[in-house]
């Protein structure tokens, strides 16, 4: 899964490096989740739930 979402995960990691607050960390996760939703089928997303990478 991580390999399939390598670009999205990389962007998430970079975002988290600059995220100094809990709110900004949440924004990083929201961006990652939106990117994953564009790439993954709905049933896989449901299985993953709200787990952070």
N, C-alpha and C. Protein backbone atom coordinates (compact mmCIF):
# COMPACT_ATOMS: atom_id res chain seq x y z
N UNK A 1 0.83 -1.18 0.00
CA UNK A 1 0.00 0.00 0.00
C UNK A 1 0.89 1.25 0.00
N UNK A 2 1.90 1.24 0.83
CA UNK A 2 2.78 2.41 0.93
C UNK A 2 3.49 2.68 -0.40
N UNK A 3 3.83 1.64 -1.10
CA UNK A 3 4.49 1.80 -2.39
C UNK A 3 3.53 2.40 -3.42
N UNK A 4 2.29 1.94 -3.40
CA UNK A 4 1.28 2.45 -4.33
C UNK A 4 0.99 3.93 -4.08
N UNK A 5 1.05 4.33 -2.81
CA UNK A 5 0.79 5.72 -2.43
C UNK A 5 2.09 6.47 -2.10
N UNK A 6 3.17 6.07 -2.72
CA UNK A 6 4.48 6.64 -2.40
C UNK A 6 4.52 8.16 -2.57
N UNK A 7 3.97 8.68 -3.65
CA UNK A 7 3.98 10.13 -3.88
C UNK A 7 3.15 10.85 -2.83
N UNK A 8 1.98 10.29 -2.53
CA UNK A 8 1.10 10.90 -1.54
C UNK A 8 1.73 10.84 -0.15
N UNK A 9 2.35 9.72 0.17
CA UNK A 9 3.00 9.57 1.46
C UNK A 9 4.19 10.52 1.60
N UNK A 10 4.92 10.70 0.53
CA UNK A 10 6.06 11.62 0.54
C UNK A 10 5.58 13.05 0.79
N UNK A 11 4.49 13.43 0.14
CA UNK A 11 3.93 14.77 0.34
C UNK A 11 3.46 14.92 1.79
N UNK A 12 2.86 13.87 2.34
CA UNK A 12 2.41 13.89 3.74
C UNK A 12 3.60 14.07 4.69
N UNK A 13 4.66 13.34 4.44
CA UNK A 13 5.86 13.42 5.27
C UNK A 13 6.45 14.83 5.25
N UNK A 14 6.53 15.42 4.06
CA UNK A 14 7.05 16.78 3.93
C UNK A 14 6.15 17.77 4.65
N UNK A 15 4.85 17.59 4.53
CA UNK A 15 3.90 18.47 5.20
C UNK A 15 4.08 18.39 6.71
N UNK A 16 4.25 17.18 7.22
CA UNK A 16 4.37 16.99 8.67
C UNK A 16 5.67 17.61 9.21
N UNK A 17 6.69 17.70 8.39
CA UNK A 17 7.95 18.32 8.83
C UNK A 17 7.74 19.78 9.21
N UNK A 18 6.83 20.44 8.50
CA UNK A 18 6.59 21.85 8.77
C UNK A 18 5.37 22.11 9.64
N UNK A 19 4.72 21.04 10.07
CA UNK A 19 3.49 21.18 10.86
C UNK A 19 3.86 21.36 12.33
N UNK A 20 3.74 22.59 12.80
CA UNK A 20 4.13 22.88 14.18
C UNK A 20 2.99 22.82 15.18
N UNK A 21 1.77 22.65 14.70
CA UNK A 21 0.63 22.59 15.61
C UNK A 21 -0.22 21.36 15.30
N UNK A 22 -1.05 21.01 16.25
CA UNK A 22 -1.95 19.87 16.04
C UNK A 22 -2.89 20.16 14.87
N UNK A 23 -3.34 21.40 14.77
CA UNK A 23 -4.23 21.77 13.67
C UNK A 23 -3.55 21.59 12.32
N UNK A 24 -2.30 22.02 12.21
CA UNK A 24 -1.60 21.88 10.93
C UNK A 24 -1.30 20.41 10.63
N UNK A 25 -1.07 19.60 11.65
CA UNK A 25 -0.88 18.17 11.44
C UNK A 25 -2.17 17.55 10.91
N UNK A 26 -3.30 18.01 11.44
CA UNK A 26 -4.59 17.53 10.95
C UNK A 26 -4.81 17.90 9.50
N UNK A 27 -4.36 19.08 9.12
CA UNK A 27 -4.47 19.50 7.73
C UNK A 27 -3.62 18.61 6.82
N UNK A 28 -2.44 18.25 7.29
CA UNK A 28 -1.58 17.35 6.52
C UNK A 28 -2.29 16.01 6.30
N UNK A 29 -2.90 15.48 7.36
CA UNK A 29 -3.60 14.21 7.24
C UNK A 29 -4.79 14.33 6.31
N UNK A 30 -5.52 15.43 6.40
CA UNK A 30 -6.68 15.65 5.53
C UNK A 30 -6.25 15.68 4.06
N UNK A 31 -5.15 16.34 3.78
CA UNK A 31 -4.63 16.39 2.41
C UNK A 31 -4.22 15.00 1.93
N UNK A 32 -3.56 14.25 2.82
CA UNK A 32 -3.16 12.89 2.46
C UNK A 32 -4.39 12.03 2.18
N UNK A 33 -5.39 12.13 3.04
CA UNK A 33 -6.60 11.33 2.88
C UNK A 33 -7.31 11.66 1.57
N UNK A 34 -7.40 12.93 1.23
CA UNK A 34 -8.03 13.34 -0.03
C UNK A 34 -7.27 12.78 -1.23
N UNK A 35 -5.95 12.82 -1.17
CA UNK A 35 -5.13 12.29 -2.26
C UNK A 35 -5.32 10.78 -2.38
N UNK A 36 -5.39 10.09 -1.25
CA UNK A 36 -5.59 8.64 -1.26
C UNK A 36 -6.98 8.30 -1.81
N UNK A 37 -7.97 9.10 -1.48
CA UNK A 37 -9.33 8.85 -1.96
C UNK A 37 -9.41 8.94 -3.48
N UNK A 38 -8.60 9.79 -4.06
CA UNK A 38 -8.59 9.92 -5.52
C UNK A 38 -7.96 8.69 -6.19
N UNK A 39 -7.15 7.96 -5.43
CA UNK A 39 -6.37 6.88 -6.01
C UNK A 39 -6.89 5.48 -5.65
N UNK A 40 -7.56 5.36 -4.50
CA UNK A 40 -7.97 4.04 -4.01
C UNK A 40 -9.47 3.82 -4.15
N UNK A 41 -9.88 2.55 -4.32
CA UNK A 41 -11.31 2.24 -4.34
C UNK A 41 -11.94 2.48 -2.97
N UNK A 42 -13.22 2.77 -2.97
CA UNK A 42 -13.94 3.11 -1.74
C UNK A 42 -13.87 2.01 -0.69
N UNK A 43 -13.93 0.73 -1.09
CA UNK A 43 -13.91 -0.35 -0.10
C UNK A 43 -12.56 -0.44 0.61
N UNK A 44 -11.49 -0.12 -0.07
CA UNK A 44 -10.16 -0.11 0.57
C UNK A 44 -10.09 1.04 1.57
N UNK A 45 -10.60 2.19 1.18
CA UNK A 45 -10.61 3.34 2.08
C UNK A 45 -11.42 3.06 3.34
N UNK A 46 -12.54 2.38 3.18
CA UNK A 46 -13.36 2.04 4.33
C UNK A 46 -12.61 1.10 5.27
N UNK A 47 -11.88 0.16 4.70
CA UNK A 47 -11.11 -0.77 5.50
C UNK A 47 -10.01 -0.05 6.29
N UNK A 48 -9.39 0.93 5.67
CA UNK A 48 -8.33 1.68 6.33
C UNK A 48 -8.87 2.61 7.42
N UNK A 49 -10.11 3.06 7.24
CA UNK A 49 -10.72 3.94 8.24
C UNK A 49 -9.96 5.25 8.35
N UNK A 50 -9.72 5.67 9.56
CA UNK A 50 -9.07 6.96 9.79
C UNK A 50 -7.64 6.81 10.29
N UNK A 51 -7.03 5.66 9.99
CA UNK A 51 -5.64 5.45 10.41
C UNK A 51 -4.73 6.44 9.71
N UNK A 52 -3.84 7.03 10.47
CA UNK A 52 -2.86 7.92 9.84
C UNK A 52 -1.70 7.10 9.35
N UNK A 53 -1.07 7.56 8.26
CA UNK A 53 0.08 6.84 7.70
C UNK A 53 1.24 6.77 8.66
